[in-house]
Amino acid sequence: MGIVAKQSARNSIALATGLLLGAINTMYVLPKAFEGFEEGWGLLRILTAWGTILAQILALGSPSAILRFLPHAKDPKRESSMLTTLCLFPAIALAVVGIVSTLAGADVLLALDANAGWLLEDRVGAFVFMAGAYLAMLLLKAALIHRMRTVAVTVIQEVWLKGSYLALALVYLQGLMPFETFFRWFLYSYAVAVVLMLGEAWGSGARLGQPELRKDARPFFEYGMFALWNNGARTVAKNLDFVMVGALLGLAAVPRYTFAFFIATVVSMPLRAMSPILRSLTSKAVAKDGAEKSGPQLQQAARVQLAVTAALLVAIVAGMPALDLALPENYQGLRWVVLAVGMAFVAEASGGTAGPILQFSERYKLALPINLGLVVMTLVTNYAFMQWLGWGIEGAALATGLTGVWNMGWRTSLMWRLFHIHPFSKGWLAVLGLALLVGFGATQLSIPDTVTSWGKGGQIAFALGLGGAAGGSVLGLAWALGCLPEVTTEINKRLNRV
């Protein structure tokens, strides 16, 4: 796990920087910039959500196929040939969508807003552009992960995209540009991200070559169709929440859900830091030794990921009541929304590397019913909770949480039936118990009345302190009980260097 720790640490720095930029933007700048015009912020979020969904579909599973097949390349020439074939399918799909989009009318997107507002008129080109940018980044990210350049990917996607978004939002807040100009430059920032990733890919030695379509087209396409419903299904499911909030509740409701979702994404930081390198290592390990021998790695990843994500969720739940005092009035009272969304990230993390092991094994096609069910469940639960039961964004959050548990549960079951390995261990169970115990205790705490008079700075500091104590208790107790031997190992390494 040394290389994982090293690159995960660097990724964590980039992720933390991106989180800070995103926090300033989402929790302070954007609410002020779009006060009274929440539909504008909602449009931007729907644009990125649909861009992500379309990119996953148009990619046809090629990003996952890159990680699966390129490790088998015997030389750089063969790798270039395989990479070209894997990029060819998405390029054709995007071209077809681009051609079809020219036939669409100006009001084709109005169904994405429950109020059928004018903001979605004549935006088809922007949606296709965003889908193309996300598609390019998906393919480039896979190529860079294969070459163990995960830090570069994280810096571009986290620091550049969130930093440029913040800069544009500040300019817009000051009234120095109209919304349409802001919207156009927002699109340009994604084009720059693609160029930066292209430069990194070229610098890492990634090249395109002569494709061998007769040899590669069929196996690549068959695997890609599975991968489309594997990783693609989870990404589509997460972004469908935003799309359905806009379609069922209106674009003006999207910012409030976005606000809560952003806070909950803090829980996913460790998973996002470790996931790229773990996926790369898993693909190589499965290719070399087979899925059946991946049990120890699976349990270690599950235990560590559960510990850090559960600790972060407990910290957020503990600190939210105090943080509410410092938030804009329209964005208060989101504690349970954050908890429900955060549970989806914890569930995903607690399954360890089950998804990648299955994905890179020879039995990958057997996961198709689970992934189809994930998307269907997302659609059904969102519609039921928001439309039939009228639960608003709380219903959308609950739908997200349930899909996370669904995904983890079925994948774990399939891993056991196919390979007789599972993510559970005594350490895993102990960590879960500690998180539930401390988390329940945190929900019973009340905020002292004096905190209301401290000012925003003091209230945020109190929230961070309370959350840090709760989350730190989970990690500290887990370490004391021997559930995190990796921490002891790293401490000993550093003490030996002194």
Protein backbone atom coordinates (compact mmCIF):
# COMPACT_ATOMS: atom_id res chain seq x y z
CA MET A 1 0.00 0.00 0.00
CA GLY A 2 3.04 2.33 -0.11
CA ILE A 3 2.35 3.71 -3.56
CA VAL A 4 -1.30 4.08 -2.63
CA ALA A 5 -0.40 6.09 0.46
CA LYS A 6 2.05 8.28 -1.46
CA GLN A 7 -0.21 9.16 -4.37
CA SER A 8 -3.30 9.27 -2.17
CA ALA A 9 -1.57 11.87 0.02
CA ARG A 10 -0.80 14.04 -3.01
CA ASN A 11 -4.29 13.55 -4.37
CA SER A 12 -5.68 14.51 -0.97
CA ILE A 13 -3.80 17.82 -1.08
CA ALA A 14 -5.26 18.60 -4.50
CA LEU A 15 -8.70 17.44 -3.38
CA ALA A 16 -8.50 19.53 -0.22
CA THR A 17 -7.52 22.57 -2.28
CA GLY A 18 -10.41 21.94 -4.64
CA LEU A 19 -12.72 21.42 -1.68
CA LEU A 20 -11.67 24.75 -0.17
CA LEU A 21 -12.22 26.55 -3.47
CA GLY A 22 -15.55 24.79 -3.93
CA ALA A 23 -16.59 25.55 -0.36
CA ILE A 24 -15.94 29.27 -0.76
CA ASN A 25 -17.80 29.27 -4.06
CA THR A 26 -20.75 27.05 -3.13
CA MET A 27 -21.30 28.24 0.41
CA TYR A 28 -20.60 31.95 0.03
CA VAL A 29 -20.07 33.34 -3.48
CA LEU A 30 -22.72 31.54 -5.54
CA PRO A 31 -25.59 32.03 -3.05
CA LYS A 32 -24.87 35.77 -3.09
CA ALA A 33 -24.20 35.98 -6.83
CA PHE A 34 -27.47 34.20 -7.70
CA GLU A 35 -29.65 35.57 -4.91
CA GLY A 36 -33.07 36.07 -6.47
CA PHE A 37 -31.90 34.29 -9.64
CA GLU A 38 -31.44 30.74 -8.32
CA GLU A 39 -32.55 29.40 -11.71
CA GLY A 40 -29.25 30.59 -13.18
CA TRP A 41 -27.23 28.54 -10.71
CA GLY A 42 -29.62 25.66 -11.27
CA LEU A 43 -28.96 25.83 -15.02
CA LEU A 44 -25.22 25.53 -14.47
CA ARG A 45 -25.67 22.48 -12.24
CA ILE A 46 -28.09 20.82 -14.65
CA LEU A 47 -25.65 21.53 -17.49
CA THR A 48 -22.80 19.71 -15.73
CA ALA A 49 -25.11 16.89 -14.61
CA TRP A 50 -26.38 16.27 -18.12
CA GLY A 51 -22.88 16.68 -19.54
CA THR A 52 -21.69 13.96 -17.15
CA ILE A 53 -24.59 11.64 -17.99
CA LEU A 54 -24.22 12.08 -21.76
CA ALA A 55 -20.45 11.63 -21.56
CA GLN A 56 -20.85 8.35 -19.68
CA ILE A 57 -23.26 7.08 -22.32
CA LEU A 58 -21.22 8.30 -25.29
CA ALA A 59 -18.01 6.86 -23.83
CA LEU A 60 -19.49 3.37 -24.38
CA GLY A 61 -17.40 2.06 -21.50
CA SER A 62 -14.07 2.94 -23.15
CA PRO A 63 -12.49 4.54 -20.03
CA SER A 64 -12.92 1.30 -18.08
CA ALA A 65 -11.80 -0.71 -21.10
CA ILE A 66 -8.61 1.36 -21.24
CA LEU A 67 -7.76 0.29 -17.70
CA ARG A 68 -8.70 -3.31 -18.40
CA PHE A 69 -6.94 -3.91 -21.72
CA LEU A 70 -3.92 -1.59 -21.81
CA PRO A 71 -2.09 -3.47 -19.01
CA HIS A 72 -2.01 -6.46 -21.38
CA ALA A 73 -0.19 -4.53 -24.14
CA LYS A 74 3.22 -6.08 -24.86
CA ASP A 75 4.87 -2.92 -26.18
CA PRO A 76 4.17 0.82 -26.72
CA LYS A 77 3.10 0.26 -30.33
CA ARG A 78 0.45 -2.24 -29.30
CA GLU A 79 -0.72 0.06 -26.50
CA SER A 80 -1.12 2.94 -28.96
CA SER A 81 -3.14 0.74 -31.29
CA MET A 82 -5.45 -0.37 -28.49
CA LEU A 83 -5.88 3.19 -27.21
CA THR A 84 -6.86 4.44 -30.66
CA THR A 85 -9.51 1.74 -31.05
CA LEU A 86 -10.92 2.51 -27.63
CA CYS A 87 -11.17 6.22 -28.42
CA LEU A 88 -12.69 5.64 -31.84
CA PHE A 89 -16.08 4.41 -30.61
CA PRO A 90 -16.77 7.45 -28.36
CA ALA A 91 -15.62 9.84 -31.08
CA ILE A 92 -18.13 8.38 -33.53
CA ALA A 93 -20.90 8.47 -30.90
CA LEU A 94 -20.21 12.14 -30.13
CA ALA A 95 -20.21 13.00 -33.84
CA VAL A 96 -23.62 11.35 -34.26
CA VAL A 97 -25.05 13.28 -31.31
CA GLY A 98 -23.61 16.50 -32.69
CA ILE A 99 -25.27 15.93 -36.05
CA VAL A 100 -28.62 14.98 -34.49
CA SER A 101 -28.52 18.02 -32.18
CA THR A 102 -28.56 20.34 -35.18
CA LEU A 103 -32.09 19.11 -35.89
CA ALA A 104 -33.36 19.83 -32.36
CA GLY A 105 -35.65 22.75 -31.74
CA ALA A 106 -34.95 25.67 -29.41
CA ASP A 107 -37.38 24.39 -26.75
CA VAL A 108 -36.30 20.72 -26.68
CA LEU A 109 -34.73 21.12 -23.21
CA LEU A 110 -37.69 22.77 -21.48
CA ALA A 111 -38.70 19.46 -19.89
CA LEU A 112 -35.61 19.72 -17.66
CA ASP A 113 -37.30 22.53 -15.73
CA ALA A 114 -40.62 21.93 -13.94
CA ASN A 115 -41.49 25.55 -14.65
CA ALA A 116 -40.42 25.36 -18.33
CA GLY A 117 -38.38 28.54 -17.90
CA TRP A 118 -36.76 30.51 -20.71
CA LEU A 119 -33.25 29.72 -19.43
CA LEU A 120 -33.26 26.36 -21.21
CA GLU A 121 -34.26 27.72 -24.59
CA ASP A 122 -31.71 27.32 -27.37
CA ARG A 123 -29.07 25.66 -25.12
CA VAL A 124 -28.65 22.39 -27.03
CA GLY A 125 -25.24 23.39 -28.37
CA ALA A 126 -23.98 24.16 -24.87
CA PHE A 127 -25.17 20.78 -23.57
CA VAL A 128 -23.44 18.94 -26.43
CA PHE A 129 -20.27 20.98 -25.87
CA MET A 130 -20.25 20.07 -22.17
CA ALA A 131 -20.84 16.40 -22.99
CA GLY A 132 -17.88 16.49 -25.40
CA ALA A 133 -15.63 18.09 -22.78
CA TYR A 134 -16.57 15.53 -20.13
CA LEU A 135 -16.13 12.72 -22.65
CA ALA A 136 -12.61 13.88 -23.52
CA MET A 137 -11.72 14.17 -19.84
CA LEU A 138 -13.03 10.66 -19.14
CA LEU A 139 -10.82 9.14 -21.83
CA LEU A 140 -7.77 11.20 -20.89
CA LYS A 141 -8.25 10.46 -17.20
CA ALA A 142 -8.28 6.72 -17.89
CA ALA A 143 -5.09 6.96 -19.96
CA LEU A 144 -3.37 8.98 -17.23
CA ILE A 145 -4.51 6.61 -14.47
CA HIS A 146 -3.10 3.71 -16.48
CA ARG A 147 0.24 5.52 -16.47
CA MET A 148 -0.05 6.27 -12.74
CA ARG A 149 -0.43 10.03 -13.30
CA THR A 150 -3.38 10.35 -10.95
CA VAL A 151 -2.18 13.52 -9.24
CA ALA A 152 -2.17 15.50 -12.49
CA VAL A 153 -5.76 14.44 -13.15
CA THR A 154 -6.86 15.51 -9.68
CA VAL A 155 -5.15 18.90 -9.92
CA ILE A 156 -6.80 19.71 -13.25
CA GLN A 157 -10.27 18.50 -12.32
CA GLU A 158 -10.28 19.84 -8.78
CA VAL A 159 -8.02 22.88 -8.62
CA TRP A 160 -8.38 24.28 -12.14
CA LEU A 161 -12.09 23.68 -12.70
CA LYS A 162 -13.17 24.78 -9.23
CA GLY A 163 -10.70 27.65 -9.16
CA SER A 164 -11.83 29.02 -12.51
CA TYR A 165 -15.48 28.62 -11.48
CA LEU A 166 -14.79 30.62 -8.31
CA ALA A 167 -12.98 33.35 -10.24
CA LEU A 168 -15.87 33.68 -12.72
CA ALA A 169 -18.43 33.69 -9.92
CA LEU A 170 -16.57 36.51 -8.14
CA VAL A 171 -16.54 38.58 -11.31
CA TYR A 172 -20.25 37.90 -11.84
CA LEU A 173 -20.99 38.77 -8.20
CA GLN A 174 -19.39 42.16 -8.70
CA GLY A 175 -21.67 42.81 -11.68
CA LEU A 176 -18.76 42.99 -14.14
CA MET A 177 -20.30 40.59 -16.66
CA PRO A 178 -23.84 39.58 -17.68
CA PHE A 179 -25.07 36.05 -17.12
CA GLU A 180 -24.67 35.00 -20.76
CA THR A 181 -21.00 36.03 -20.74
CA PHE A 182 -20.50 34.18 -17.46
CA PHE A 183 -22.18 31.13 -18.97
CA ARG A 184 -19.94 31.20 -22.05
CA TRP A 185 -16.70 31.52 -20.07
CA PHE A 186 -17.86 28.71 -17.79
CA LEU A 187 -17.90 26.49 -20.88
CA TYR A 188 -14.48 27.75 -21.93
CA SER A 189 -12.98 26.67 -18.59
CA TYR A 190 -13.81 23.05 -19.45
CA ALA A 191 -12.16 23.40 -22.84
CA VAL A 192 -8.99 24.56 -21.07
CA ALA A 193 -9.18 21.54 -18.74
CA VAL A 194 -9.26 19.23 -21.77
CA VAL A 195 -6.20 20.96 -23.27
CA LEU A 196 -4.30 20.64 -19.98
CA MET A 197 -5.12 16.94 -19.73
CA LEU A 198 -4.05 16.43 -23.34
CA GLY A 199 -0.70 17.97 -22.47
CA GLU A 200 -0.29 15.67 -19.47
CA ALA A 201 -1.24 12.62 -21.52
CA TRP A 202 1.30 13.52 -24.21
CA GLY A 203 3.96 14.13 -21.58
CA SER A 204 3.29 10.74 -20.00
CA GLY A 205 3.91 8.99 -23.31
CA ALA A 206 0.32 8.25 -24.32
CA ARG A 207 0.07 8.07 -28.10
CA LEU A 208 -2.42 7.09 -30.76
CA GLY A 209 -1.45 4.57 -33.42
CA GLN A 210 -2.81 2.41 -36.19
CA PRO A 211 -5.93 0.62 -34.88
CA GLU A 212 -6.35 -3.12 -35.35
CA LEU A 213 -10.12 -3.14 -35.67
CA ARG A 214 -10.49 -6.76 -36.79
CA LYS A 215 -8.62 -7.94 -33.73
CA ASP A 216 -9.83 -5.51 -31.08
CA ALA A 217 -13.19 -4.04 -32.08
CA ARG A 218 -15.44 -6.87 -30.91
CA PRO A 219 -13.88 -7.68 -27.48
CA PHE A 220 -13.42 -3.98 -26.70
CA PHE A 221 -16.98 -3.14 -27.66
CA GLU A 222 -18.46 -6.08 -25.74
CA TYR A 223 -16.57 -5.16 -22.59
CA GLY A 224 -17.38 -1.50 -23.10
CA MET A 225 -21.10 -2.23 -23.15
CA PHE A 226 -20.75 -3.86 -19.76
CA ALA A 227 -18.60 -1.05 -18.38
CA LEU A 228 -21.19 1.45 -19.58
CA TRP A 229 -23.64 -0.12 -17.11
CA ASN A 230 -20.99 -0.66 -14.46
CA ASN A 231 -19.14 2.55 -13.57
CA GLY A 232 -21.39 4.48 -15.92
CA ALA A 233 -24.51 3.39 -14.08
CA ARG A 234 -23.28 4.76 -10.77
CA THR A 235 -22.28 8.08 -12.29
CA VAL A 236 -25.57 8.38 -14.14
CA ALA A 237 -27.51 7.52 -10.98
CA LYS A 238 -25.78 10.24 -8.93
CA ASN A 239 -26.38 12.92 -11.55
CA LEU A 240 -29.96 11.88 -12.23
CA ASP A 241 -30.84 13.29 -8.82
CA PHE A 242 -29.98 16.82 -9.95
CA VAL A 243 -31.76 16.36 -13.27
CA MET A 244 -34.91 15.06 -11.58
CA VAL A 245 -34.87 17.79 -8.92
CA GLY A 246 -34.92 20.34 -11.73
CA ALA A 247 -37.53 18.46 -13.77
CA LEU A 248 -39.87 17.78 -10.83
CA LEU A 249 -39.26 20.73 -8.49
CA GLY A 250 -37.85 23.41 -10.83
CA LEU A 251 -34.39 24.84 -11.51
CA ALA A 252 -34.73 27.17 -8.52
CA ALA A 253 -34.73 24.10 -6.19
CA VAL A 254 -31.50 22.72 -7.62
CA PRO A 255 -29.12 25.13 -5.76
CA ARG A 256 -30.42 24.08 -2.34
CA TYR A 257 -29.89 20.40 -3.18
CA THR A 258 -26.52 21.27 -4.73
CA PHE A 259 -25.54 23.03 -1.49
CA ALA A 260 -26.33 19.96 0.62
CA PHE A 261 -24.77 17.58 -1.89
CA PHE A 262 -21.55 19.60 -1.88
CA ILE A 263 -21.23 19.34 1.90
CA ALA A 264 -21.84 15.60 1.67
CA THR A 265 -19.12 15.19 -0.97
CA VAL A 266 -16.57 15.91 1.75
CA VAL A 267 -17.27 12.32 2.81
CA SER A 268 -16.06 11.06 -0.57
CA MET A 269 -12.68 12.83 -0.44
CA PRO A 270 -10.69 9.82 0.82
CA LEU A 271 -12.43 7.54 -1.67
CA ARG A 272 -11.66 9.91 -4.53
CA ALA A 273 -8.03 10.18 -3.42
CA MET A 274 -7.49 6.42 -3.21
CA SER A 275 -9.81 5.18 -5.92
CA PRO A 276 -7.78 6.01 -9.07
CA ILE A 277 -4.61 4.33 -7.85
CA LEU A 278 -6.52 1.38 -6.31
CA ARG A 279 -8.32 0.82 -9.61
CA SER A 280 -5.04 0.82 -11.49
CA LEU A 281 -3.41 -1.60 -9.04
CA THR A 282 -6.49 -3.81 -8.99
CA SER A 283 -6.60 -4.08 -12.78
CA LYS A 284 -2.96 -5.21 -12.83
CA ALA A 285 -3.39 -7.62 -9.87
CA VAL A 286 -6.48 -9.27 -11.35
CA ALA A 287 -4.76 -9.57 -14.72
CA LYS A 288 -1.80 -11.26 -13.05
CA ASP A 289 -3.23 -13.39 -10.22
CA GLY A 290 -6.98 -13.56 -10.79
CA ALA A 291 -9.89 -12.20 -8.80
CA GLU A 292 -9.97 -15.09 -6.30
CA LYS A 293 -6.69 -13.97 -4.74
CA SER A 294 -7.81 -10.38 -4.20
CA GLY A 295 -9.52 -11.04 -0.86
CA PRO A 296 -6.87 -9.49 1.42
CA GLN A 297 -6.63 -6.34 -0.68
CA LEU A 298 -10.42 -6.11 -0.79
CA GLN A 299 -10.78 -6.30 2.99
CA GLN A 300 -7.96 -3.85 3.65
CA ALA A 301 -9.37 -1.29 1.25
CA ALA A 302 -12.89 -1.73 2.65
CA ARG A 303 -11.79 -1.32 6.27
CA VAL A 304 -9.65 1.77 5.64
CA GLN A 305 -12.18 3.44 3.33
CA LEU A 306 -15.05 2.78 5.73
CA ALA A 307 -13.08 4.25 8.63
CA VAL A 308 -12.19 7.54 6.97
CA THR A 309 -15.51 8.10 5.18
CA ALA A 310 -17.64 7.18 8.21
CA ALA A 311 -15.53 9.44 10.43
CA LEU A 312 -16.05 12.35 8.04
CA LEU A 313 -19.81 11.77 7.89
CA VAL A 314 -20.02 11.64 11.69
CA ALA A 315 -18.02 14.87 11.84
CA ILE A 316 -20.38 16.62 9.43
CA VAL A 317 -23.50 15.40 11.22
CA ALA A 318 -22.09 16.62 14.55
CA GLY A 319 -21.10 20.04 13.23
CA MET A 320 -24.10 20.84 11.01
CA PRO A 321 -26.36 22.44 13.67
CA ALA A 322 -23.63 24.95 14.56
CA LEU A 323 -22.72 25.47 10.89
CA ASP A 324 -26.36 26.25 10.14
CA LEU A 325 -26.06 29.40 12.22
CA ALA A 326 -23.43 30.76 9.82
CA LEU A 327 -25.13 29.75 6.56
CA PRO A 328 -27.48 31.86 4.41
CA GLU A 329 -31.06 31.46 5.56
CA ASN A 330 -32.16 29.73 2.35
CA TYR A 331 -29.50 27.04 2.86
CA GLN A 332 -30.11 26.09 6.48
CA GLY A 333 -31.77 22.97 7.85
CA LEU A 334 -30.06 20.51 5.49
CA ARG A 335 -28.57 18.17 8.10
CA TRP A 336 -30.66 15.12 7.18
CA VAL A 337 -30.27 15.74 3.47
CA VAL A 338 -26.50 15.75 3.94
CA LEU A 339 -26.69 12.60 6.06
CA ALA A 340 -28.71 10.70 3.44
CA VAL A 341 -26.40 11.68 0.59
CA GLY A 342 -23.32 11.01 2.71
CA MET A 343 -24.57 7.50 3.46
CA ALA A 344 -24.34 6.71 -0.26
CA PHE A 345 -20.63 7.59 -0.25
CA VAL A 346 -19.99 5.58 2.92
CA ALA A 347 -21.79 2.56 1.46
CA GLU A 348 -19.72 2.79 -1.71
CA ALA A 349 -16.48 3.08 0.26
CA SER A 350 -17.34 0.23 2.63
CA GLY A 351 -17.39 -2.22 -0.27
CA GLY A 352 -13.66 -1.71 -0.83
CA THR A 353 -12.40 -2.69 -4.27
CA ALA A 354 -15.31 -5.05 -4.99
CA GLY A 355 -16.39 -3.05 -8.01
CA PRO A 356 -12.97 -2.92 -9.71
CA ILE A 357 -12.24 -6.60 -8.95
CA LEU A 358 -15.48 -7.67 -10.58
CA GLN A 359 -15.02 -5.21 -13.42
CA PHE A 360 -11.54 -6.46 -14.33
CA SER A 361 -12.35 -10.17 -13.90
CA GLU A 362 -13.57 -12.61 -16.54
CA ARG A 363 -17.03 -12.71 -14.89
CA TYR A 364 -17.73 -9.01 -15.35
CA LYS A 365 -20.92 -9.53 -17.42
CA LEU A 366 -22.76 -11.02 -14.43
CA ALA A 367 -22.96 -7.57 -12.82
CA LEU A 368 -25.19 -6.23 -15.58
CA PRO A 369 -28.55 -6.85 -13.80
CA ILE A 370 -27.29 -5.04 -10.70
CA ASN A 371 -26.23 -2.00 -12.67
CA LEU A 372 -29.43 -1.88 -14.67
CA GLY A 373 -31.34 -2.10 -11.40
CA LEU A 374 -29.31 0.78 -9.99
CA VAL A 375 -30.46 3.18 -12.69
CA VAL A 376 -34.05 1.95 -12.58
CA MET A 377 -34.12 2.26 -8.79
CA THR A 378 -32.77 5.80 -9.01
CA LEU A 379 -35.52 6.83 -11.40
CA VAL A 380 -38.29 5.11 -9.46
CA THR A 381 -37.26 6.27 -5.97
CA ASN A 382 -36.67 9.86 -7.05
CA TYR A 383 -40.04 10.05 -8.78
CA ALA A 384 -41.83 8.32 -5.90
CA PHE A 385 -40.25 10.39 -3.14
CA MET A 386 -40.40 13.78 -4.86
CA GLN A 387 -43.53 13.52 -7.00
CA TRP A 388 -45.86 11.06 -5.29
CA LEU A 389 -44.91 11.61 -1.65
CA GLY A 390 -43.94 15.28 -2.01
CA TRP A 391 -40.77 15.01 0.07
CA GLY A 392 -38.86 17.56 -2.01
CA ILE A 393 -35.07 17.51 -1.93
CA GLU A 394 -35.18 15.30 1.16
CA GLY A 395 -36.72 12.64 -1.08
CA ALA A 396 -33.95 13.09 -3.64
CA ALA A 397 -31.34 12.65 -0.91
CA LEU A 398 -33.02 9.53 0.44
CA ALA A 399 -33.10 8.10 -3.09
CA THR A 400 -29.35 8.70 -3.36
CA GLY A 401 -28.70 6.96 -0.06
CA LEU A 402 -30.77 3.94 -1.02
CA THR A 403 -29.05 3.53 -4.37
CA GLY A 404 -25.67 3.56 -2.59
CA VAL A 405 -26.76 0.77 -0.24
CA TRP A 406 -28.29 -1.13 -3.17
CA ASN A 407 -25.07 -0.95 -5.15
CA MET A 408 -22.81 -2.04 -2.29
CA GLY A 409 -25.10 -4.86 -1.15
CA TRP A 410 -25.57 -6.53 -4.50
CA ARG A 411 -21.93 -6.19 -5.55
CA THR A 412 -20.76 -7.71 -2.29
CA SER A 413 -23.19 -10.60 -2.68
CA LEU A 414 -22.01 -11.25 -6.21
CA MET A 415 -18.35 -11.15 -5.19
CA TRP A 416 -18.95 -13.86 -2.61
CA ARG A 417 -20.91 -16.10 -4.97
CA LEU A 418 -18.36 -15.80 -7.76
CA PHE A 419 -15.00 -15.63 -5.99
CA HIS A 420 -15.70 -16.47 -2.34
CA ILE A 421 -14.20 -13.20 -1.14
CA HIS A 422 -15.91 -10.36 0.74
CA PRO A 423 -15.02 -6.98 2.26
CA PHE A 424 -16.03 -7.80 5.83
CA SER A 425 -13.60 -8.34 8.69
CA LYS A 426 -13.57 -7.88 12.46
CA GLY A 427 -11.95 -4.50 11.96
CA TRP A 428 -14.63 -3.49 9.45
CA LEU A 429 -17.42 -4.41 11.86
CA ALA A 430 -15.71 -2.63 14.75
CA VAL A 431 -15.33 0.56 12.72
CA LEU A 432 -18.99 0.44 11.68
CA GLY A 433 -20.09 -0.01 15.28
CA LEU A 434 -17.95 2.89 16.48
CA ALA A 435 -19.27 5.18 13.74
CA LEU A 436 -22.89 4.34 14.56
CA LEU A 437 -22.32 4.82 18.29
CA VAL A 438 -20.50 8.16 18.00
CA GLY A 439 -22.84 9.34 15.24
CA PHE A 440 -25.95 8.65 17.31
CA GLY A 441 -24.41 10.46 20.26
CA ALA A 442 -23.64 13.45 18.04
CA THR A 443 -27.28 13.78 16.99
CA GLN A 444 -28.29 14.06 20.66
CA LEU A 445 -26.08 17.07 21.33
CA SER A 446 -27.57 20.55 21.47
CA ILE A 447 -25.82 23.79 20.61
CA PRO A 448 -25.30 26.21 23.56
CA ASP A 449 -27.38 29.37 23.24
CA THR A 450 -24.25 31.52 23.56
CA VAL A 451 -22.98 30.26 20.17
CA THR A 452 -25.72 32.24 18.40
CA SER A 453 -24.01 35.49 19.42
CA TRP A 454 -20.48 34.52 18.39
CA GLY A 455 -20.62 35.72 14.81
CA LYS A 456 -20.10 33.61 11.69
CA GLY A 457 -16.40 33.06 12.29
CA GLY A 458 -16.96 31.74 15.80
CA GLN A 459 -19.88 29.59 14.72
CA ILE A 460 -17.87 27.98 11.92
CA ALA A 461 -14.96 27.41 14.32
CA PHE A 462 -17.33 25.80 16.84
CA ALA A 463 -18.80 23.57 14.11
CA LEU A 464 -15.33 22.50 12.99
CA GLY A 465 -14.25 21.83 16.55
CA LEU A 466 -17.35 19.79 17.39
CA GLY A 467 -17.16 17.88 14.11
CA GLY A 468 -13.44 17.30 14.49
CA ALA A 469 -13.95 15.89 17.98
CA ALA A 470 -16.66 13.51 16.78
CA GLY A 471 -14.85 12.34 13.66
CA GLY A 472 -11.55 12.16 15.51
CA SER A 473 -13.17 9.98 18.15
CA VAL A 474 -14.18 7.44 15.49
CA LEU A 475 -10.68 7.29 14.01
CA GLY A 476 -8.92 7.42 17.37
CA LEU A 477 -10.99 4.64 18.89
CA ALA A 478 -10.64 2.55 15.73
CA TRP A 479 -6.86 2.93 15.88
CA ALA A 480 -6.76 2.17 19.61
CA LEU A 481 -8.72 -1.04 19.00
CA GLY A 482 -6.24 -2.12 16.31
CA CYS A 483 -8.60 -1.56 13.39
CA LEU A 484 -6.15 0.71 11.58
CA PRO A 485 -2.71 -0.95 11.68
CA GLU A 486 -1.73 1.09 8.62
CA VAL A 487 -1.62 4.18 10.84
CA THR A 488 0.76 2.49 13.27
CA THR A 489 2.97 1.39 10.37
CA GLU A 490 3.19 4.91 8.96
CA ILE A 491 3.93 6.37 12.40
CA ASN A 492 6.74 3.86 12.96
CA LYS A 493 8.21 4.64 9.54
CA ARG A 494 8.36 8.34 10.34
CA LEU A 495 9.77 7.75 13.83
CA ASN A 496 12.52 5.56 12.36
CA ARG A 497 13.52 8.35 9.99
CA VAL A 498 14.07 10.77 12.87
